[in-house]
Protein backbone atom coordinates (compact mmCIF):
# COMPACT_ATOMS: atom_id res chain seq x y z
CA MET A 1 -7.79 -6.79 -0.79
CA CYS A 2 -7.30 -9.69 -3.15
CA GLY A 3 -4.25 -11.79 -3.91
CA ILE A 4 -2.69 -12.53 -7.29
CA ALA A 5 0.05 -14.97 -8.21
CA GLY A 6 1.38 -16.74 -11.25
CA PHE A 7 4.20 -17.34 -13.68
CA VAL A 8 5.01 -17.58 -17.36
CA ASP A 9 7.57 -19.95 -18.83
CA PHE A 10 8.12 -18.82 -22.40
CA ARG A 11 9.69 -22.20 -23.22
CA GLY A 12 6.49 -23.99 -22.25
CA HIS A 13 5.56 -26.25 -19.32
CA ARG A 14 3.41 -29.22 -18.37
CA ARG A 15 -0.07 -28.01 -17.52
CA SER A 16 -0.55 -30.45 -14.65
CA GLU A 17 2.69 -29.37 -12.97
CA ALA A 18 1.94 -25.70 -13.59
CA ARG A 19 -1.54 -26.08 -12.10
CA ALA A 20 -0.18 -27.63 -8.93
CA ARG A 21 2.49 -24.95 -8.64
CA VAL A 22 0.11 -22.00 -9.02
CA GLN A 23 -2.32 -23.66 -6.60
CA ALA A 24 0.44 -23.70 -3.98
CA MET A 25 1.23 -20.04 -4.70
CA THR A 26 -2.37 -18.96 -4.09
CA ASP A 27 -2.95 -21.25 -1.12
CA VAL A 28 -0.27 -19.43 0.86
CA ILE A 29 -2.04 -16.07 0.33
CA ALA A 30 -5.56 -17.34 0.97
CA HIS A 31 -5.88 -14.75 3.77
CA ARG A 32 -5.98 -12.01 1.10
CA GLY A 33 -9.11 -13.42 -0.51
CA PRO A 34 -11.50 -15.50 1.58
CA ASP A 35 -14.40 -15.26 -0.92
CA GLY A 36 -13.09 -17.53 -3.65
CA GLU A 37 -10.24 -18.69 -5.84
CA GLY A 38 -9.70 -19.08 -9.56
CA PHE A 39 -7.04 -20.34 -11.98
CA TYR A 40 -6.02 -20.18 -15.61
CA VAL A 41 -3.38 -22.50 -17.04
CA ASP A 42 -2.20 -22.97 -20.62
CA ASP A 43 1.01 -24.26 -22.20
CA PHE A 44 3.02 -21.19 -21.14
CA ALA A 45 1.19 -19.31 -18.35
CA ALA A 46 -0.39 -20.10 -15.00
CA LEU A 47 -2.45 -17.43 -13.22
CA GLY A 48 -4.03 -17.66 -9.78
CA HIS A 49 -6.37 -15.39 -7.84
CA ARG A 50 -7.76 -15.18 -4.31
CA ARG A 51 -10.81 -12.92 -4.14
CA LEU A 52 -12.16 -10.48 -1.59
CA ALA A 53 -15.44 -9.50 -3.23
CA ILE A 54 -16.27 -5.77 -3.06
CA ILE A 55 -17.71 -4.75 -6.46
CA ASP A 56 -19.92 -7.00 -8.62
CA VAL A 57 -19.89 -9.73 -6.01
CA ALA A 58 -21.97 -12.06 -8.21
CA ALA A 59 -20.02 -11.85 -11.49
CA GLY A 60 -16.54 -10.53 -10.79
CA GLN A 61 -14.66 -13.82 -10.51
CA GLN A 62 -11.08 -14.01 -11.70
CA PRO A 63 -9.06 -14.78 -13.72
CA MET A 64 -11.25 -12.89 -16.17
CA ALA A 65 -10.93 -13.12 -19.95
CA VAL A 66 -11.86 -11.36 -23.17
CA CYS A 67 -11.32 -12.24 -26.83
CA ASP A 68 -12.57 -15.80 -26.38
CA GLY A 69 -10.12 -16.38 -23.55
CA ARG A 70 -7.06 -15.16 -25.41
CA VAL A 71 -6.43 -12.27 -22.98
CA GLN A 72 -6.50 -13.09 -19.26
CA ILE A 73 -6.16 -10.88 -16.17
CA VAL A 74 -5.67 -11.28 -12.43
CA PHE A 75 -6.19 -8.05 -10.52
CA ASN A 76 -5.88 -6.82 -6.94
CA GLY A 77 -7.36 -3.46 -6.02
CA GLU A 78 -10.09 -1.07 -7.03
CA ILE A 79 -10.43 1.35 -9.96
CA TYR A 80 -12.29 4.40 -8.67
CA ASN A 81 -13.07 5.93 -12.05
CA PHE A 82 -14.04 2.67 -13.75
CA LEU A 83 -17.55 3.90 -14.62
CA ASP A 84 -16.16 6.92 -16.51
CA VAL A 85 -13.67 4.72 -18.38
CA ARG A 86 -16.40 2.18 -19.09
CA HIS A 87 -18.64 4.83 -20.67
CA GLU A 88 -15.75 5.96 -22.87
CA LEU A 89 -15.09 2.39 -23.96
CA GLU A 90 -18.78 1.72 -24.65
CA ALA A 91 -18.78 4.75 -26.94
CA LYS A 92 -15.94 3.08 -28.84
CA GLY A 93 -17.99 -0.10 -29.29
CA HIS A 94 -16.88 -2.29 -26.39
CA VAL A 95 -19.60 -4.52 -24.91
CA PHE A 96 -19.42 -5.52 -21.24
CA ARG A 97 -20.67 -8.76 -19.68
CA THR A 98 -20.19 -7.76 -16.02
CA HIS A 99 -20.39 -4.66 -13.81
CA SER A 100 -16.86 -5.10 -12.47
CA ASP A 101 -13.87 -2.79 -12.68
CA THR A 102 -11.76 -5.82 -13.66
CA GLU A 103 -13.45 -6.05 -17.06
CA VAL A 104 -12.88 -2.32 -17.55
CA ILE A 105 -9.11 -2.87 -17.19
CA LEU A 106 -9.25 -5.69 -19.75
CA CYS A 107 -11.16 -3.64 -22.32
CA SER A 108 -8.88 -0.65 -21.65
CA TYR A 109 -5.94 -2.90 -22.47
CA LEU A 110 -7.61 -3.99 -25.73
CA GLU A 111 -8.18 -0.36 -26.67
CA TRP A 112 -4.97 1.33 -25.52
CA GLY A 113 -2.50 -1.47 -24.80
CA GLU A 114 0.14 -0.92 -22.13
CA ARG A 115 -0.85 2.77 -21.90
CA CYS A 116 -4.23 1.83 -20.45
CA VAL A 117 -2.80 2.44 -16.97
CA GLU A 118 -2.61 6.17 -17.69
CA ARG A 119 -6.43 6.32 -17.60
CA LEU A 120 -6.90 4.32 -14.40
CA HIS A 121 -7.34 6.11 -11.09
CA GLY A 122 -7.22 3.84 -8.10
CA MET A 123 -5.12 1.33 -6.21
CA PHE A 124 -4.12 -1.67 -8.25
CA ALA A 125 -1.67 -4.39 -9.10
CA PHE A 126 -2.50 -6.61 -12.04
CA ALA A 127 -1.06 -9.07 -14.52
CA ILE A 128 -2.36 -9.51 -18.07
CA TRP A 129 -1.37 -12.56 -20.13
CA ASP A 130 -1.95 -11.96 -23.84
CA THR A 131 -1.80 -15.22 -25.78
CA ARG A 132 -2.05 -13.33 -29.09
CA SER A 133 1.34 -11.68 -28.63
CA ARG A 134 2.54 -14.16 -26.00
CA SER A 135 3.36 -11.30 -23.61
CA LEU A 136 2.95 -10.65 -19.89
CA LEU A 137 2.10 -7.16 -18.63
CA LEU A 138 2.56 -6.29 -14.95
CA ALA A 139 1.31 -2.95 -13.61
CA ARG A 140 1.20 -1.11 -10.29
CA ASP A 141 -0.74 1.99 -9.23
CA ARG A 142 0.65 5.50 -9.10
CA VAL A 143 1.72 5.59 -5.44
CA GLY A 144 2.25 1.87 -4.92
CA LYS A 145 -0.63 1.17 -2.56
CA LYS A 146 -0.98 -2.39 -3.84
CA PRO A 147 2.10 -4.62 -3.69
CA LEU A 148 3.51 -6.56 -6.62
CA TYR A 149 6.68 -8.67 -6.54
CA TYR A 150 8.35 -10.41 -9.47
CA CYS A 151 11.37 -12.46 -10.42
CA ALA A 152 12.58 -12.64 -14.03
CA ALA A 153 15.08 -15.44 -14.58
CA GLY A 154 15.78 -16.11 -18.25
CA PRO A 155 12.62 -17.29 -19.97
CA THR A 156 10.63 -17.52 -16.70
CA VAL A 157 8.77 -14.68 -14.97
CA VAL A 158 7.13 -15.24 -11.59
CA PHE A 159 4.91 -12.68 -9.84
CA GLY A 160 2.71 -12.34 -6.78
CA SER A 161 1.11 -10.04 -4.23
CA GLU A 162 3.42 -11.34 -1.51
CA LEU A 163 6.95 -12.69 -1.38
CA LYS A 164 5.72 -15.91 0.19
CA SER A 165 3.98 -16.81 -3.08
CA LEU A 166 7.26 -16.48 -4.95
CA ARG A 167 9.03 -18.58 -2.33
CA ARG A 168 6.36 -21.25 -2.55
CA CYS A 169 6.54 -21.62 -6.35
CA GLY A 170 10.04 -23.10 -6.31
CA LEU A 171 11.17 -21.09 -9.35
CA CYS A 172 12.87 -18.19 -7.54
CA PRO A 173 16.11 -17.83 -5.60
CA VAL A 174 15.75 -17.23 -1.88
CA ALA A 175 19.27 -16.02 -1.09
CA ILE A 176 19.33 -12.97 1.18
CA ASP A 177 20.50 -9.72 -0.44
CA PRO A 178 23.07 -8.05 1.90
CA GLU A 179 22.56 -4.66 0.23
CA ALA A 180 18.84 -4.87 0.93
CA LEU A 181 19.59 -5.57 4.59
CA ASP A 182 21.86 -2.52 4.61
CA CYS A 183 18.94 -0.46 3.28
CA TYR A 184 16.75 -1.79 6.08
CA LEU A 185 19.29 -1.02 8.79
CA SER A 186 19.71 2.52 7.41
CA LEU A 187 16.13 3.38 6.48
CA GLY A 188 13.94 1.04 8.48
CA TYR A 189 12.54 -0.55 5.32
CA ILE A 190 13.70 -1.93 1.96
CA PRO A 191 12.83 0.50 -0.84
CA ALA A 192 11.69 -0.59 -4.28
CA PRO A 193 12.85 -2.15 -6.50
CA ARG A 194 14.82 -4.20 -3.97
CA THR A 195 13.49 -6.95 -1.72
CA VAL A 196 15.24 -8.93 0.98
CA TYR A 197 16.02 -11.59 -1.67
CA ARG A 198 18.54 -11.33 -4.49
CA ASN A 199 17.00 -11.11 -7.96
CA VAL A 200 13.47 -10.73 -6.58
CA HIS A 201 12.07 -7.25 -7.07
CA LYS A 202 9.20 -4.97 -6.17
CA LEU A 203 7.60 -3.44 -9.24
CA ARG A 204 8.00 0.26 -8.56
CA ALA A 205 5.00 2.53 -8.13
CA ALA A 206 3.62 4.05 -11.36
CA HIS A 207 5.48 1.48 -13.46
CA THR A 208 4.59 -1.24 -15.90
CA ALA A 209 6.77 -4.20 -16.88
CA LEU A 210 6.24 -5.93 -20.22
CA PHE A 211 7.84 -9.32 -20.86
CA PHE A 212 8.35 -11.07 -24.22
CA GLY A 213 10.33 -14.30 -24.09
CA SER A 214 13.56 -13.74 -22.20
CA SER A 215 13.44 -9.94 -22.50
CA GLY A 216 11.51 -7.37 -20.52
CA THR A 217 11.07 -3.60 -20.46
CA GLN A 218 9.83 -1.26 -17.75
CA ARG A 219 8.12 2.10 -18.19
CA GLN A 220 7.17 4.82 -15.73
CA TYR A 221 3.75 6.15 -16.70
CA TRP A 222 3.24 8.88 -14.08
CA GLN A 223 5.27 11.13 -11.81
CA LEU A 224 4.20 13.67 -9.21
CA SER A 225 5.34 17.12 -10.31
CA PHE A 226 5.83 20.36 -8.38
CA ALA A 227 6.99 22.25 -11.47
CA GLU A 228 4.05 24.67 -11.56
CA PRO A 229 3.64 26.67 -8.32
CA LEU A 230 0.12 27.63 -7.27
CA GLU A 231 -0.37 31.39 -7.23
CA ARG A 232 -3.79 31.61 -5.63
CA PRO A 233 -5.20 33.05 -2.40
CA MET A 234 -4.94 30.63 0.50
CA SER A 235 -8.71 30.73 0.99
CA ASN A 236 -9.23 29.45 -2.57
CA VAL A 237 -6.68 26.69 -2.11
CA VAL A 238 -8.28 25.55 1.16
CA GLU A 239 -11.71 25.46 -0.48
CA GLU A 240 -10.37 23.48 -3.44
CA LEU A 241 -8.61 21.04 -1.12
CA GLY A 242 -11.90 20.40 0.67
CA CYS A 243 -13.62 19.66 -2.63
CA LEU A 244 -10.81 17.33 -3.72
CA LEU A 245 -10.95 15.47 -0.41
CA ASP A 246 -14.72 15.01 -0.67
CA ASP A 247 -14.35 13.79 -4.24
CA ALA A 248 -11.61 11.31 -3.25
CA VAL A 249 -13.72 9.97 -0.39
CA ARG A 250 -16.82 9.72 -2.58
CA LYS A 251 -15.00 7.54 -5.10
CA ARG A 252 -13.92 5.17 -2.35
CA LEU A 253 -17.43 4.63 -1.01
CA MET A 254 -18.50 2.38 -3.88
CA SER A 255 -18.89 -1.05 -2.31
CA GLU A 256 -21.36 -3.92 -2.17
CA VAL A 257 -20.07 -5.00 1.25
CA PRO A 258 -20.05 -3.31 4.70
CA LEU A 259 -17.81 -0.22 4.71
CA GLY A 260 -16.49 1.93 7.56
CA ALA A 261 -13.44 3.86 8.74
CA PHE A 262 -10.58 3.84 11.21
CA LEU A 263 -10.79 6.85 13.55
CA SER A 264 -7.84 7.91 15.68
CA GLY A 265 -9.05 11.41 16.49
CA GLY A 266 -6.19 12.96 14.51
CA LEU A 267 -6.75 15.46 11.73
CA ASP A 268 -6.30 12.98 8.87
CA SER A 269 -8.80 10.31 9.91
CA SER A 270 -11.19 12.91 11.35
CA LEU A 271 -11.33 14.76 8.03
CA ILE A 272 -12.06 11.53 6.16
CA VAL A 273 -14.84 10.53 8.55
CA SER A 274 -16.24 14.06 8.30
CA SER A 275 -16.43 13.71 4.51
CA MET A 276 -18.03 10.29 4.84
CA ALA A 277 -20.64 11.70 7.23
CA ARG A 278 -21.60 14.35 4.67
CA LEU A 279 -21.75 11.90 1.79
CA LEU A 280 -23.51 8.93 3.37
CA GLU A 281 -27.18 8.71 4.25
CA ARG A 282 -26.43 6.52 7.27
CA PRO A 283 -24.12 6.95 10.28
CA VAL A 284 -20.51 6.16 9.48
CA LEU A 285 -19.27 2.99 11.15
CA THR A 286 -16.02 3.95 12.92
CA ASN A 287 -13.48 1.85 14.82
CA THR A 288 -10.85 2.96 17.34
CA VAL A 289 -8.36 1.11 19.49
CA GLY A 290 -6.90 2.51 22.68
CA PHE A 291 -4.43 1.50 25.37
CA GLU A 292 -4.60 1.49 29.15
CA ASP A 293 -1.59 3.82 29.26
CA PRO A 294 -3.12 7.32 28.91
CA GLN A 295 -0.05 8.58 27.06
CA PHE A 296 -0.88 6.36 24.06
CA ASN A 297 -4.64 6.24 24.43
CA GLU A 298 -6.52 7.79 21.50
CA LEU A 299 -10.01 6.82 22.67
CA PRO A 300 -10.99 10.18 24.26
CA GLY A 301 -10.12 12.23 21.18
CA ALA A 302 -11.68 9.76 18.78
CA GLY A 303 -14.80 9.60 20.95
CA ARG A 304 -15.24 13.39 20.79
CA VAL A 305 -15.03 13.30 16.99
CA ALA A 306 -17.42 10.35 16.82
CA ARG A 307 -20.00 12.11 18.99
CA HIS A 308 -19.70 15.32 16.98
CA LEU A 309 -20.21 13.47 13.68
CA ARG A 310 -22.77 11.05 15.19
CA THR A 311 -21.02 7.95 13.93
CA ASP A 312 -21.80 4.33 14.80
CA HIS A 313 -18.69 4.15 16.94
CA HIS A 314 -16.88 1.03 18.22
CA GLU A 315 -14.04 1.16 20.76
CA PHE A 316 -11.59 -1.54 21.75
CA VAL A 317 -9.02 -1.33 24.54
CA VAL A 318 -5.85 -3.21 23.56
CA ARG A 319 -3.85 -5.15 26.09
CA PRO A 320 -0.94 -6.01 23.80
CA ARG A 321 0.20 -9.62 23.74
CA ALA A 322 3.23 -9.05 21.58
CA THR A 323 4.63 -12.55 21.93
CA GLU A 324 1.38 -13.95 20.51
CA VAL A 325 1.11 -11.74 17.43
CA LEU A 326 4.62 -10.56 16.44
CA GLY A 327 5.31 -13.82 14.62
CA LYS A 328 2.09 -13.41 12.64
CA ILE A 329 2.91 -9.80 11.80
CA ALA A 330 6.40 -10.77 10.60
CA TRP A 331 4.87 -13.55 8.47
CA HIS A 332 2.59 -11.04 6.76
CA PHE A 333 5.37 -8.47 6.26
CA ASP A 334 7.52 -11.07 4.42
CA GLU A 335 10.68 -8.99 4.89
CA PRO A 336 12.17 -6.70 7.58
CA LEU A 337 10.11 -3.56 8.28
CA ALA A 338 10.66 -1.24 11.25
CA ASP A 339 7.08 -0.07 11.74
CA SER A 340 6.47 0.89 15.37
CA SER A 341 2.71 1.11 14.78
CA ALA A 342 2.41 -2.46 13.45
CA LEU A 343 1.05 -3.84 16.72
CA ALA A 344 -1.69 -1.22 17.03
CA THR A 345 -2.54 -1.57 13.34
CA TRP A 346 -2.90 -5.33 13.76
CA TYR A 347 -5.40 -4.90 16.57
CA VAL A 348 -7.47 -2.17 14.91
CA CYS A 349 -7.73 -4.27 11.73
CA GLU A 350 -8.65 -7.34 13.75
CA MET A 351 -11.39 -5.36 15.48
CA ALA A 352 -12.68 -3.62 12.34
CA ARG A 353 -13.08 -6.94 10.51
CA ARG A 354 -15.85 -7.84 12.95
CA THR A 355 -18.07 -5.06 11.58
CA VAL A 356 -16.81 -4.08 8.10
CA THR A 357 -15.09 -5.57 5.07
CA VAL A 358 -13.67 -2.28 3.75
CA ALA A 359 -12.26 0.48 5.97
CA LEU A 360 -11.03 3.93 4.97
CA SER A 361 -8.13 5.39 6.93
CA GLY A 362 -6.03 8.53 7.10
CA ASP A 363 -2.77 6.59 6.84
CA GLY A 364 -0.21 8.71 4.99
CA GLY A 365 -1.89 12.03 5.75
CA ASP A 366 0.88 13.24 8.04
CA GLU A 367 3.50 12.50 5.41
CA ALA A 368 1.53 14.17 2.60
CA PHE A 369 0.68 17.32 4.58
CA GLY A 370 3.87 17.68 6.64
CA GLY A 371 2.18 16.69 9.87
CA TYR A 372 5.14 15.50 11.93
CA THR A 373 6.02 19.07 12.83
CA PHE A 374 7.89 18.15 16.02
CA ARG A 375 10.20 15.89 13.98
CA TYR A 376 10.72 18.18 10.99
CA LEU A 377 11.43 21.23 13.16
CA ALA A 378 13.96 19.29 15.25
CA HIS A 379 15.82 18.14 12.12
CA ARG A 380 15.82 21.68 10.76
CA LEU A 381 17.17 23.04 14.02
CA GLU A 382 19.92 20.42 14.07
CA SER A 383 20.99 21.33 10.53
CA VAL A 384 21.20 25.05 11.38
CA VAL A 385 23.30 24.41 14.50
CA ARG A 386 25.63 22.00 12.64
CA SER A 387 26.35 24.58 9.98
CA ALA A 388 27.06 27.27 12.58
CA LEU A 389 29.26 25.43 15.11
CA PRO A 390 32.44 23.40 14.59
CA VAL A 391 32.45 19.69 15.40
CA PRO A 392 34.72 19.86 18.55
CA LEU A 393 32.51 22.51 20.13
CA ARG A 394 29.32 20.58 19.38
CA GLN A 395 30.76 17.36 20.76
CA THR A 396 31.90 19.04 23.97
CA VAL A 397 28.85 21.17 24.72
CA PHE A 398 25.98 19.04 23.45
CA GLY A 399 27.62 15.77 24.50
CA ALA A 400 27.64 16.94 28.11
CA VAL A 401 24.11 18.38 27.95
CA GLY A 402 22.75 15.27 26.21
CA ALA A 403 24.26 13.00 28.87
CA LEU A 404 22.55 14.96 31.66
CA TRP A 405 19.21 15.67 30.01
CA PRO A 406 16.40 13.38 31.24
CA ALA A 407 14.85 10.90 28.79
CA PHE A 408 11.32 10.93 30.17
CA ALA A 409 8.51 10.27 27.70
CA ARG A 410 6.14 12.12 30.03
CA LEU A 411 7.98 15.40 29.53
CA PRO A 412 6.08 17.96 27.43
CA ARG A 413 6.98 17.46 23.79
CA PRO A 414 9.00 20.73 23.49
CA LEU A 415 11.24 19.51 26.32
CA ARG A 416 12.01 16.08 24.85
CA LEU A 417 15.41 17.26 23.63
CA LYS A 418 17.77 14.50 24.70
CA SER A 419 17.97 12.93 21.23
CA VAL A 420 18.41 16.38 19.65
CA PHE A 421 21.44 17.11 21.86
CA GLU A 422 22.89 13.66 21.17
CA ASN A 423 22.35 14.05 17.41
CA LEU A 424 24.23 17.35 17.40
CA THR A 425 27.45 15.61 18.48
CA VAL A 426 27.64 13.62 15.23
CA SER A 427 27.56 14.36 11.51
CA GLU A 428 24.35 14.54 9.47
CA PRO A 429 24.91 11.13 7.78
CA LYS A 430 25.65 9.42 11.09
CA ARG A 431 22.61 11.03 12.71
CA PHE A 432 20.49 9.70 9.86
CA ILE A 433 21.81 6.14 10.26
CA THR A 434 21.39 6.08 14.06
CA ILE A 435 17.99 7.81 14.23
């Protein structure tokens, strides 16, 4: 990952003060880009970048410019189809100086303006400052993999990859938003466009924001649609899914630095490593963390997959020292987030960094493919019972059963019903809040 930060004051500012301010904004996110830093400052804009070099290590420094410096970009992410877009732009007469995907975004902007994002497939957050029109364009990828925060206060717009950059700049309010805290207490996270601070926002996934002076407009450029049902044999759909997965993995293997994968032994990460093993001419470098408690230990399953696929496998047994790392995790999160896997994720990332710079993972696979069957089925069962039985009967019967039912994590999963019985004594909204 890289880190971007900056601001535009459409009234103008002192360059020396702006340079010091943007330096402070990028210093606080130096962990996102250990391979270098860069700045651009003029009478209105200040852009900063911290770089983790993955593609075109030698010539991909940022901020990057075209049109004799009149259009500047800072970019975090990777464009997987940048070679295809580059060939299309070359056919239209664009000449490239580097081999980076960053320059492809810039030339796409010159050719198609704000709509350039519609042609980009990847994970990205970027800011483009166009001195010709004196406008700032912010953009975020289709599913919001890369973060982008901003604060628009009158003629000033501040942006960054992390909230701590916006706090450091001194141009944004830092008052806590009570409604955002309510979202966190209800959902376990703060959904976009809110953040924990008033008047500081997350740019929503698949959105652009264009600022001119004291006005700004947002546009959604993509939306997942289920409008057209697939009427094909299941065998055809499964075969097509396999091809799509291989194609997605192939696009993510382009790297000039060491690349590997997280492997938990679950279906999602195992499928990704399987695709990598077919596509690479060398053993896949895989990393797994496990725990001494066998109930939470994924090492045996991951080891079986690693042996089957003949990966270059690395294992690490975690002895959690929560008091030592929770403060660091909270500092990186920037705002409240109820992620029970944060501790394990911290350790697997810490371990993987010893051997690779880029790691593919199956994170999100369970959500996309409906993997949490035990949870979804329990919620469905609860809804059916609620609709069939009156509240007094549910409170009497399931309240008594829930109070007596054991709460042992070592019970077989189908018998872990205590929370189900307790949930059935309350309404659907209350169950959702107390889950």
